[in-house]
C-alpha atoms as a PDB file:
ATOM      1  CA  MET A   1     -56.621   1.472-197.378  1.00  0.00           C
ATOM      2  CA  THR A   2     -54.004   3.539-195.696  1.00  0.00           C
ATOM      3  CA  LYS A   3     -53.745   1.152-192.782  1.00  0.00           C
ATOM      4  CA  ILE A   4     -53.417  -1.871-195.152  1.00  0.00           C
ATOM      5  CA  LEU A   5     -50.631   0.033-197.081  1.00  0.00           C
ATOM      6  CA  ILE A   6     -48.687   0.819-193.877  1.00  0.00           C
ATOM      7  CA  PHE A   7     -48.965  -2.793-192.676  1.00  0.00           C
ATOM      8  CA  THR A   8     -47.777  -4.021-195.987  1.00  0.00           C
ATOM      9  CA  LEU A   9     -44.780  -1.665-195.994  1.00  0.00           C
ATOM     10  CA  SER A  10     -43.953  -2.698-192.342  1.00  0.00           C
ATOM     11  CA  LEU A  11     -43.873  -6.337-193.341  1.00  0.00           C
ATOM     12  CA  LEU A  12     -41.670  -5.589-196.369  1.00  0.00           C
ATOM     13  CA  MET A  13     -39.220  -3.650-194.149  1.00  0.00           C
ATOM     14  CA  LEU A  14     -39.143  -6.437-191.551  1.00  0.00           C
ATOM     15  CA  SER A  15     -38.473  -8.958-194.278  1.00  0.00           C
ATOM     16  CA  PHE A  16     -35.477  -6.880-195.668  1.00  0.00           C
ATOM     17  CA  ALA A  17     -33.994  -6.455-192.216  1.00  0.00           C
ATOM     18  CA  SER A  18     -34.296 -10.172-191.397  1.00  0.00           C
ATOM     19  CA  ALA A  19     -32.611 -11.081-194.757  1.00  0.00           C
ATOM     20  CA  GLU A  20     -29.672  -8.862-193.962  1.00  0.00           C
ATOM     21  CA  GLU A  21     -29.203 -10.268-190.418  1.00  0.00           C
ATOM     22  CA  THR A  22     -29.498 -13.883-191.419  1.00  0.00           C
ATOM     23  CA  PRO A  23     -26.093 -15.373-192.144  1.00  0.00           C
ATOM     24  CA  VAL A  24     -25.572 -17.366-195.328  1.00  0.00           C
ATOM     25  CA  ALA A  25     -25.725 -21.162-194.589  1.00  0.00           C
ATOM     26  CA  GLY A  26     -22.216 -22.718-194.739  1.00  0.00           C
ATOM     27  CA  GLU A  27     -18.952 -21.166-195.867  1.00  0.00           C
ATOM     28  CA  PRO A  28     -17.893 -20.637-199.418  1.00  0.00           C
ATOM     29  CA  PRO A  29     -15.249 -22.905-200.702  1.00  0.00           C
ATOM     30  CA  GLY A  30     -11.655 -21.561-200.186  1.00  0.00           C
ATOM     31  CA  TRP A  31      -9.260 -20.722-197.431  1.00  0.00           C
ATOM     32  CA  HIS A  32     -10.591 -19.562-194.165  1.00  0.00           C
ATOM     33  CA  VAL A  33      -8.475 -17.954-191.291  1.00  0.00           C
ATOM     34  CA  ASP A  34      -8.593 -19.855-188.058  1.00  0.00           C
ATOM     35  CA  PHE A  35      -5.547 -18.100-186.441  1.00  0.00           C
ATOM     36  CA  PHE A  36      -4.108 -14.734-186.939  1.00  0.00           C
ATOM     37  CA  ASP A  37      -1.590 -12.752-184.800  1.00  0.00           C
ATOM     38  CA  ASP A  38      -0.509  -9.218-185.886  1.00  0.00           C
ATOM     39  CA  PHE A  39       1.700  -8.714-182.812  1.00  0.00           C
ATOM     40  CA  ASP A  40      -0.055  -5.738-181.286  1.00  0.00           C
ATOM     41  CA  THR A  41       1.067  -7.491-178.067  1.00  0.00           C
ATOM     42  CA  PHE A  42       2.892 -10.599-177.079  1.00  0.00           C
ATOM     43  CA  ASN A  43      -0.163 -12.911-176.719  1.00  0.00           C
ATOM     44  CA  GLU A  44       0.621 -15.833-174.305  1.00  0.00           C
ATOM     45  CA  GLU A  45      -2.448 -17.563-175.559  1.00  0.00           C
ATOM     46  CA  ASN A  46      -0.576 -17.934-178.916  1.00  0.00           C
ATOM     47  CA  TRP A  47       3.089 -18.144-178.038  1.00  0.00           C
ATOM     48  CA  GLN A  48       5.577 -19.082-175.419  1.00  0.00           C
ATOM     49  CA  ASP A  49       9.452 -18.560-175.206  1.00  0.00           C
ATOM     50  CA  GLN A  50      10.995 -21.797-176.126  1.00  0.00           C
ATOM     51  CA  ILE A  51      14.187 -22.374-174.141  1.00  0.00           C
ATOM     52  CA  LEU A  52      16.396 -25.157-175.404  1.00  0.00           C
ATOM     53  CA  TRP A  53      19.764 -25.975-176.991  1.00  0.00           C
ATOM     54  CA  VAL A  54      19.879 -27.648-180.464  1.00  0.00           C
ATOM     55  CA  ASN A  55      22.062 -27.823-183.636  1.00  0.00           C
ATOM     56  CA  LYS A  56      25.140 -26.846-181.529  1.00  0.00           C
ATOM     57  CA  GLU A  57      24.009 -23.301-181.769  1.00  0.00           C
ATOM     58  CA  ASP A  58      26.329 -20.643-180.291  1.00  0.00           C
ATOM     59  CA  GLN A  59      23.721 -18.470-178.557  1.00  0.00           C
ATOM     60  CA  CYS A  60      21.534 -18.685-175.425  1.00  0.00           C
ATOM     61  CA  TYR A  61      17.795 -18.151-175.739  1.00  0.00           C
ATOM     62  CA  LEU A  62      16.331 -15.869-173.161  1.00  0.00           C
ATOM     63  CA  ARG A  63      12.787 -15.488-171.616  1.00  0.00           C
ATOM     64  CA  ASP A  64      10.440 -12.576-171.325  1.00  0.00           C
ATOM     65  CA  ASN A  65      12.357 -10.299-173.700  1.00  0.00           C
ATOM     66  CA  GLN A  66      15.357 -10.214-171.376  1.00  0.00           C
ATOM     67  CA  ARG A  67      18.126  -8.057-173.003  1.00  0.00           C
ATOM     68  CA  ASN A  68      15.583  -6.992-175.762  1.00  0.00           C
ATOM     69  CA  THR A  69      15.855 -10.443-177.445  1.00  0.00           C
ATOM     70  CA  ARG A  70      12.095 -10.664-178.095  1.00  0.00           C
ATOM     71  CA  GLU A  71      10.471  -7.350-178.409  1.00  0.00           C
ATOM     72  CA  VAL A  72       6.917  -6.612-179.539  1.00  0.00           C
ATOM     73  CA  SER A  73       6.448  -2.911-180.442  1.00  0.00           C
ATOM     74  CA  ASN A  74       4.739  -0.786-183.135  1.00  0.00           C
ATOM     75  CA  GLY A  75       2.782  -3.786-184.331  1.00  0.00           C
ATOM     76  CA  THR A  76       5.648  -6.153-185.091  1.00  0.00           C
ATOM     77  CA  LEU A  77       7.693  -8.805-183.346  1.00  0.00           C
ATOM     78  CA  LYS A  78      11.487  -8.404-183.341  1.00  0.00           C
ATOM     79  CA  LEU A  79      13.648 -11.449-182.569  1.00  0.00           C
ATOM     80  CA  ARG A  80      17.261 -10.673-182.129  1.00  0.00           C
ATOM     81  CA  VAL A  81      20.699 -12.197-181.655  1.00  0.00           C
ATOM     82  CA  ILE A  82      22.759  -9.859-179.564  1.00  0.00           C
ATOM     83  CA  ASN A  83      26.422  -9.834-178.544  1.00  0.00           C
ATOM     84  CA  ILE A  84      26.320  -8.445-174.995  1.00  0.00           C
ATOM     85  CA  GLY A  85      30.103  -8.245-174.748  1.00  0.00           C
ATOM     86  CA  GLU A  86      30.716 -10.688-171.919  1.00  0.00           C
ATOM     87  CA  SER A  87      30.048 -14.454-171.394  1.00  0.00           C
ATOM     88  CA  ILE A  88      27.173 -15.178-169.177  1.00  0.00           C
ATOM     89  CA  PRO A  89      25.892 -18.557-167.731  1.00  0.00           C
ATOM     90  CA  CYS A  90      23.080 -20.188-169.919  1.00  0.00           C
ATOM     91  CA  ASP A  91      20.420 -22.546-168.699  1.00  0.00           C
ATOM     92  CA  ASN A  92      19.344 -23.822-172.056  1.00  0.00           C
ATOM     93  CA  PRO A  93      19.037 -27.608-171.982  1.00  0.00           C
ATOM     94  CA  ASP A  94      19.325 -30.118-174.768  1.00  0.00           C
ATOM     95  CA  LYS A  95      17.005 -33.080-174.942  1.00  0.00           C
ATOM     96  CA  PHE A  96      19.366 -35.068-172.688  1.00  0.00           C
ATOM     97  CA  GLY A  97      19.573 -32.361-169.985  1.00  0.00           C
ATOM     98  CA  LYS A  98      23.000 -30.959-170.795  1.00  0.00           C
ATOM     99  CA  VAL A  99      23.076 -27.147-170.589  1.00  0.00           C
ATOM    100  CA  HIS A 100      24.581 -24.731-172.955  1.00  0.00           C
ATOM    101  CA  PRO A 101      28.135 -23.386-172.114  1.00  0.00           C
ATOM    102  CA  ASP A 102      28.608 -19.746-171.114  1.00  0.00           C
ATOM    103  CA  THR A 103      28.263 -17.383-174.065  1.00  0.00           C
ATOM    104  CA  PRO A 104      28.234 -13.705-174.917  1.00  0.00           C
ATOM    105  CA  TYR A 105      25.455 -14.242-177.470  1.00  0.00           C
ATOM    106  CA  VAL A 106      21.798 -14.119-176.453  1.00  0.00           C
ATOM    107  CA  ALA A 107      18.677 -14.549-178.713  1.00  0.00           C
ATOM    108  CA  GLY A 108      14.905 -14.904-178.979  1.00  0.00           C
ATOM    109  CA  ARG A 109      12.762 -17.952-179.920  1.00  0.00           C
ATOM    110  CA  ILE A 110       9.094 -18.362-179.623  1.00  0.00           C
ATOM    111  CA  ALA A 111       6.747 -21.334-180.366  1.00  0.00           C
ATOM    112  CA  SER A 112       3.018 -21.863-180.535  1.00  0.00           C
ATOM    113  CA  LYS A 113       3.463 -25.303-178.897  1.00  0.00           C
ATOM    114  CA  ASN A 114       0.419 -26.196-176.769  1.00  0.00           C
ATOM    115  CA  ARG A 115      -1.110 -22.899-177.782  1.00  0.00           C
ATOM    116  CA  LYS A 116      -1.871 -23.042-181.460  1.00  0.00           C
ATOM    117  CA  GLU A 117      -1.468 -26.374-183.203  1.00  0.00           C
ATOM    118  CA  PHE A 118      -3.057 -27.381-186.511  1.00  0.00           C
ATOM    119  CA  ILE A 119      -3.299 -30.309-188.879  1.00  0.00           C
ATOM    120  CA  LYS A 120      -2.353 -29.416-192.489  1.00  0.00           C
ATOM    121  CA  GLY A 121      -3.990 -26.316-193.930  1.00  0.00           C
ATOM    122  CA  ARG A 122      -1.684 -23.308-194.745  1.00  0.00           C
ATOM    123  CA  TRP A 123       0.785 -21.375-192.534  1.00  0.00           C
ATOM    124  CA  THR A 124       1.976 -17.952-193.586  1.00  0.00           C
ATOM    125  CA  ALA A 125       4.227 -15.327-191.963  1.00  0.00           C
ATOM    126  CA  ARG A 126       5.078 -11.841-193.205  1.00  0.00           C
ATOM    127  CA  LEU A 127       8.626 -11.067-192.157  1.00  0.00           C
ATOM    128  CA  LYS A 128      11.979  -9.416-193.079  1.00  0.00           C
ATOM    129  CA  THR A 129      15.544  -9.418-191.690  1.00  0.00           C
ATOM    130  CA  HIS A 130      17.623  -6.418-191.005  1.00  0.00           C
ATOM    131  CA  GLY A 131      20.707  -7.361-192.969  1.00  0.00           C
ATOM    132  CA  ASN A 132      21.626 -10.788-194.201  1.00  0.00           C
ATOM    133  CA  GLY A 133      24.502 -12.760-195.671  1.00  0.00           C
ATOM    134  CA  VAL A 134      26.726 -12.610-192.624  1.00  0.00           C
ATOM    135  CA  ASN A 135      28.466 -15.842-191.422  1.00  0.00           C
ATOM    136  CA  GLY A 136      26.476 -17.477-188.580  1.00  0.00           C
ATOM    137  CA  MET A 137      23.110 -15.782-189.257  1.00  0.00           C
ATOM    138  CA  PHE A 138      20.357 -18.396-188.873  1.00  0.00           C
ATOM    139  CA  PRO A 139      16.824 -16.906-188.684  1.00  0.00           C
ATOM    140  CA  ALA A 140      13.971 -19.326-189.331  1.00  0.00           C
ATOM    141  CA  TRP A 141      10.137 -19.695-189.629  1.00  0.00           C
ATOM    142  CA  TRP A 142       9.146 -23.346-189.352  1.00  0.00           C
ATOM    143  CA  LEU A 143       6.821 -26.063-188.082  1.00  0.00           C
ATOM    144  CA  LEU A 144       7.325 -29.054-185.835  1.00  0.00           C
ATOM    145  CA  GLY A 145       5.171 -31.912-184.794  1.00  0.00           C
ATOM    146  CA  ALA A 146       3.273 -31.398-181.509  1.00  0.00           C
ATOM    147  CA  ARG A 147       4.476 -34.590-179.875  1.00  0.00           C
ATOM    148  CA  ASN A 148       8.138 -33.528-180.131  1.00  0.00           C
ATOM    149  CA  ASN A 149      10.122 -34.665-177.090  1.00  0.00           C
ATOM    150  CA  GLU A 150      12.429 -31.607-176.853  1.00  0.00           C
ATOM    151  CA  PRO A 151      11.915 -28.872-174.144  1.00  0.00           C
ATOM    152  CA  PRO A 152       9.522 -27.781-173.031  1.00  0.00           C
ATOM    153  CA  ILE A 153       7.815 -31.054-172.241  1.00  0.00           C
ATOM    154  CA  GLN A 154       4.275 -30.008-171.099  1.00  0.00           C
ATOM    155  CA  GLU A 155       1.954 -32.885-171.993  1.00  0.00           C
ATOM    156  CA  PRO A 156       2.145 -36.645-171.391  1.00  0.00           C
ATOM    157  CA  ASP A 157       2.211 -37.498-175.097  1.00  0.00           C
ATOM    158  CA  GLU A 158       5.152 -35.299-175.927  1.00  0.00           C
ATOM    159  CA  ASP A 159       7.450 -38.332-176.222  1.00  0.00           C
ATOM    160  CA  VAL A 160       8.255 -38.616-179.925  1.00  0.00           C
ATOM    161  CA  CYS A 161      11.734 -38.024-181.108  1.00  0.00           C
ATOM    162  CA  TRP A 162      12.713 -35.917-184.100  1.00  0.00           C
ATOM    163  CA  PRO A 163      11.890 -36.407-186.997  1.00  0.00           C
ATOM    164  CA  MET A 164       9.570 -39.375-186.478  1.00  0.00           C
ATOM    165  CA  THR A 165       5.801 -38.940-187.304  1.00  0.00           C
ATOM    166  CA  GLY A 166       4.411 -36.773-184.498  1.00  0.00           C
ATOM    167  CA  SER A 167       7.733 -34.828-184.504  1.00  0.00           C
ATOM    168  CA  GLY A 168       8.129 -34.023-188.114  1.00  0.00           C
ATOM    169  CA  GLU A 169       9.708 -30.891-189.433  1.00  0.00           C
ATOM    170  CA  ILE A 170       8.852 -28.372-192.193  1.00  0.00           C
ATOM    171  CA  ASP A 171      11.061 -25.496-192.829  1.00  0.00           C
ATOM    172  CA  ILE A 172       9.149 -22.576-194.514  1.00  0.00           C
ATOM    173  CA  PHE A 173      11.960 -19.923-194.290  1.00  0.00           C
ATOM    174  CA  GLU A 174      15.511 -20.609-193.178  1.00  0.00           C
ATOM    175  CA  HIS A 175      18.482 -18.294-193.970  1.00  0.00           C
ATOM    176  CA  HIS A 176      22.058 -19.517-193.690  1.00  0.00           C
ATOM    177  CA  GLY A 177      23.984 -16.279-193.825  1.00  0.00           C
ATOM    178  CA  SER A 178      27.173 -18.218-194.482  1.00  0.00           C
ATOM    179  CA  GLY A 179      25.885 -19.049-197.865  1.00  0.00           C
ATOM    180  CA  GLY A 180      25.518 -15.446-198.972  1.00  0.00           C
ATOM    181  CA  SER A 181      22.803 -12.778-199.007  1.00  0.00           C
ATOM    182  CA  ASP A 182      19.310 -12.637-200.365  1.00  0.00           C
ATOM    183  CA  HIS A 183      18.386 -16.254-200.352  1.00  0.00           C
ATOM    184  CA  TYR A 184      16.531 -18.659-198.133  1.00  0.00           C
ATOM    185  CA  THR A 185      15.922 -22.441-197.887  1.00  0.00           C
ATOM    186  CA  ALA A 186      12.577 -24.189-197.855  1.00  0.00           C
ATOM    187  CA  ARG A 187      12.386 -28.003-197.188  1.00  0.00           C
ATOM    188  CA  ILE A 188      10.968 -30.901-195.321  1.00  0.00           C
ATOM    189  CA  ILE A 189      13.119 -33.266-193.225  1.00  0.00           C
ATOM    190  CA  LYS A 190      12.905 -36.743-194.594  1.00  0.00           C
ATOM    191  CA  ASN A 191      12.169 -39.298-191.846  1.00  0.00           C
ATOM    192  CA  LEU A 192      14.703 -42.057-191.973  1.00  0.00           C
ATOM    193  CA  GLY A 193      12.820 -44.266-189.539  1.00  0.00           C
ATOM    194  CA  HIS A 194      14.815 -43.633-186.373  1.00  0.00           C
ATOM    195  CA  CYS A 195      15.556 -40.979-183.761  1.00  0.00           C
ATOM    196  CA  ASP A 196      17.724 -38.151-185.052  1.00  0.00           C
ATOM    197  CA  GLY A 197      17.624 -39.898-188.398  1.00  0.00           C
ATOM    198  CA  GLY A 198      16.785 -36.858-190.607  1.00  0.00           C
ATOM    199  CA  ASP A 199      17.761 -36.207-194.232  1.00  0.00           C
ATOM    200  CA  TRP A 200      18.047 -32.435-194.717  1.00  0.00           C
ATOM    201  CA  LYS A 201      18.934 -32.320-198.462  1.00  0.00           C
ATOM    202  CA  THR A 202      16.671 -34.497-200.515  1.00  0.00           C
ATOM    203  CA  TYR A 203      13.653 -32.319-200.220  1.00  0.00           C
ATOM    204  CA  GLN A 204      15.105 -28.786-200.073  1.00  0.00           C
ATOM    205  CA  THR A 205      15.438 -25.830-202.373  1.00  0.00           C
ATOM    206  CA  ILE A 206      17.214 -22.504-202.286  1.00  0.00           C
ATOM    207  CA  ILE A 207      15.118 -19.528-203.255  1.00  0.00           C
ATOM    208  CA  GLU A 208      16.156 -15.962-204.040  1.00  0.00           C
ATOM    209  CA  SER A 209      14.494 -13.153-202.025  1.00  0.00           C
ATOM    210  CA  ASN A 210      15.516  -9.583-200.972  1.00  0.00           C
ATOM    211  CA  LEU A 211      15.404 -10.543-197.278  1.00  0.00           C
ATOM    212  CA  ASP A 212      15.626  -6.813-196.082  1.00  0.00           C
ATOM    213  CA  GLU A 213      12.088  -6.294-197.328  1.00  0.00           C
ATOM    214  CA  TYR A 214       8.842  -7.726-196.135  1.00  0.00           C
ATOM    215  CA  HIS A 215       7.588 -10.883-197.861  1.00  0.00           C
ATOM    216  CA  GLU A 216       5.052 -13.497-197.139  1.00  0.00           C
ATOM    217  CA  TYR A 217       6.483 -17.007-196.695  1.00  0.00           C
ATOM    218  CA  SER A 218       3.982 -19.951-196.669  1.00  0.00           C
ATOM    219  CA  VAL A 219       3.513 -23.623-196.895  1.00  0.00           C
ATOM    220  CA  GLU A 220       0.133 -25.263-197.714  1.00  0.00           C
ATOM    221  CA  TRP A 221      -1.164 -28.750-198.218  1.00  0.00           C
ATOM    222  CA  GLN A 222      -2.769 -29.462-201.596  1.00  0.00           C
ATOM    223  CA  ASN A 223      -4.139 -32.997-201.331  1.00  0.00           C
ATOM    224  CA  ALA A 224      -0.888 -35.128-200.953  1.00  0.00           C
ATOM    225  CA  ASP A 225       1.472 -32.285-202.105  1.00  0.00           C
ATOM    226  CA  LEU A 226       3.171 -29.649-200.054  1.00  0.00           C
ATOM    227  CA  VAL A 227       3.368 -26.212-201.788  1.00  0.00           C
ATOM    228  CA  PHE A 228       5.811 -23.465-200.685  1.00  0.00           C
ATOM    229  CA  ARG A 229       4.911 -19.896-201.709  1.00  0.00           C
ATOM    230  CA  LEU A 230       6.630 -16.524-201.719  1.00  0.00           C
ATOM    231  CA  ASP A 231       4.164 -13.690-201.746  1.00  0.00           C
ATOM    232  CA  GLY A 232       1.486 -16.080-202.875  1.00  0.00           C
ATOM    233  CA  ASN A 233       3.498 -17.478-205.855  1.00  0.00           C
ATOM    234  CA  GLU A 234       4.441 -21.109-205.875  1.00  0.00           C
ATOM    235  CA  VAL A 235       8.178 -21.473-205.611  1.00  0.00           C
ATOM    236  CA  TYR A 236       8.577 -25.094-204.692  1.00  0.00           C
ATOM    237  CA  ARG A 237       6.418 -28.219-204.594  1.00  0.00           C
ATOM    238  CA  ILE A 238       7.060 -31.526-202.929  1.00  0.00           C
ATOM    239  CA  ALA A 239       4.760 -33.905-204.596  1.00  0.00           C
ATOM    240  CA  GLY A 240       3.230 -36.765-202.710  1.00  0.00           C
ATOM    241  CA  HIS A 241       4.775 -36.039-199.252  1.00  0.00           C
ATOM    242  CA  GLY A 242       2.166 -33.940-197.605  1.00  0.00           C
ATOM    243  CA  ASP A 243       0.551 -37.101-196.030  1.00  0.00           C
ATOM    244  CA  GLN A 244       3.891 -37.713-194.278  1.00  0.00           C
ATOM    245  CA  PHE A 245       2.818 -34.970-191.804  1.00  0.00           C
ATOM    246  CA  PRO A 246      -0.631 -36.077-190.499  1.00  0.00           C
ATOM    247  CA  GLU A 247       0.061 -34.746-186.984  1.00  0.00           C
ATOM    248  CA  PRO A 248      -0.745 -31.395-185.428  1.00  0.00           C
ATOM    249  CA  LEU A 249       2.126 -29.015-185.996  1.00  0.00           C
ATOM    250  CA  PHE A 250       3.026 -25.962-184.104  1.00  0.00           C
ATOM    251  CA  ALA A 251       4.958 -22.937-185.446  1.00  0.00           C
ATOM    252  CA  ILE A 252       8.354 -21.655-184.422  1.00  0.00           C
ATOM    253  CA  LEU A 253      10.020 -18.298-185.047  1.00  0.00           C
ATOM    254  CA  ASN A 254      13.623 -17.948-183.941  1.00  0.00           C
ATOM    255  CA  TYR A 255      16.982 -16.329-184.640  1.00  0.00           C
ATOM    256  CA  ALA A 256      20.068 -18.424-183.951  1.00  0.00           C
ATOM    257  CA  LYS A 257      23.804 -18.061-184.376  1.00  0.00           C
ATOM    258  CA  ILE A 258      24.740 -21.364-186.100  1.00  0.00           C
ATOM    259  CA  THR A 259      28.550 -20.935-186.239  1.00  0.00           C
ATOM    260  CA  ALA A 260      31.390 -19.830-184.042  1.00  0.00           C
ATOM    261  CA  ASP A 261      32.316 -16.884-186.150  1.00  0.00           C
ATOM    262  CA  PRO A 262      32.481 -13.665-184.108  1.00  0.00           C
ATOM    263  CA  MET A 263      29.769 -11.022-184.404  1.00  0.00           C
ATOM    264  CA  LEU A 264      29.307  -7.459-183.279  1.00  0.00           C
ATOM    265  CA  GLY A 265      26.130  -5.663-182.323  1.00  0.00           C
ATOM    266  CA  GLU A 266      22.844  -7.402-183.118  1.00  0.00           C
ATOM    267  CA  TRP A 267      20.894  -9.219-185.853  1.00  0.00           C
ATOM    268  CA  VAL A 268      17.130  -8.800-186.213  1.00  0.00           C
ATOM    269  CA  MET A 269      14.268 -10.626-187.760  1.00  0.00           C
ATOM    270  CA  GLU A 270      11.113  -8.614-187.795  1.00  0.00           C
ATOM    271  CA  VAL A 271       7.704 -10.296-188.171  1.00  0.00           C
ATOM    272  CA  ASP A 272       4.563  -8.330-189.123  1.00  0.00           C
ATOM    273  CA  TRP A 273       2.008 -11.246-188.754  1.00  0.00           C
ATOM    274  CA  VAL A 274       1.461 -14.996-188.622  1.00  0.00           C
ATOM    275  CA  LYS A 275      -1.711 -16.849-189.692  1.00  0.00           C
ATOM    276  CA  HIS A 276      -3.019 -20.357-190.268  1.00  0.00           C
ATOM    277  CA  GLU A 277      -5.884 -21.107-192.598  1.00  0.00           C
ATOM    278  CA  TYR A 278      -7.914 -24.231-193.382  1.00  0.00           C
ATOM    279  CA  TRP A 279      -9.507 -25.196-196.682  1.00  0.00           C
ATOM    280  CA  LYS A 280     -13.266 -25.776-196.895  1.00  0.00           C
END
């Protein structure tokens, strides 16, 4: 009897252990993270410095955290615009090969291009700025189609001009300091059907936010809608236009100087983490 009891208890214990170790078949419905970077390091499998000249910007993007323009420390990414006090040559090319003129302003820009690219889902970044509302400030967190033909060109199919399908743009967080403090813009660029034919204003909104404090800025696809969120709360919805972005998109974080107004010292955008999720 004792041996039978021991054998029975052993079977029960084995059964319980197996139940704990066996994963539940399938995933529960909801959002699931497939990319997360909390910036313990600068992970080159996730990001690369993006060196280019667009929007007639007044600064020069630098590589490899030169002059402290792209620092990762204490668990955050810091992107800076810095006045170094003297004009230096700049090698940033535009899409036609022309390079930026000499400038005393240097800055950081990173992109997940050819590293982390996703179709639809939800992108979120937790970030803040150190100061805001100064003329020329232009920090941004945004998405661009993976076939975009602006530098760097690294794959044969990167031949689609902005903002055609394959090179579409979604701006999740964009602060124009010249418009005052504690606000940001969210938008999509309406494709007008030809190269450089983008409508910036039809699908944009300006949202209040205390930029000097951390917030989560996101965009997600809900069927055919694009939903923009601030700290998880819906703040803007573009109904019926999500399907205009069927392509893989990569993420960009950058800090630019968009006007010729003089600046002193440095401007900083600090990013705690970035993630992408998919719905299942």
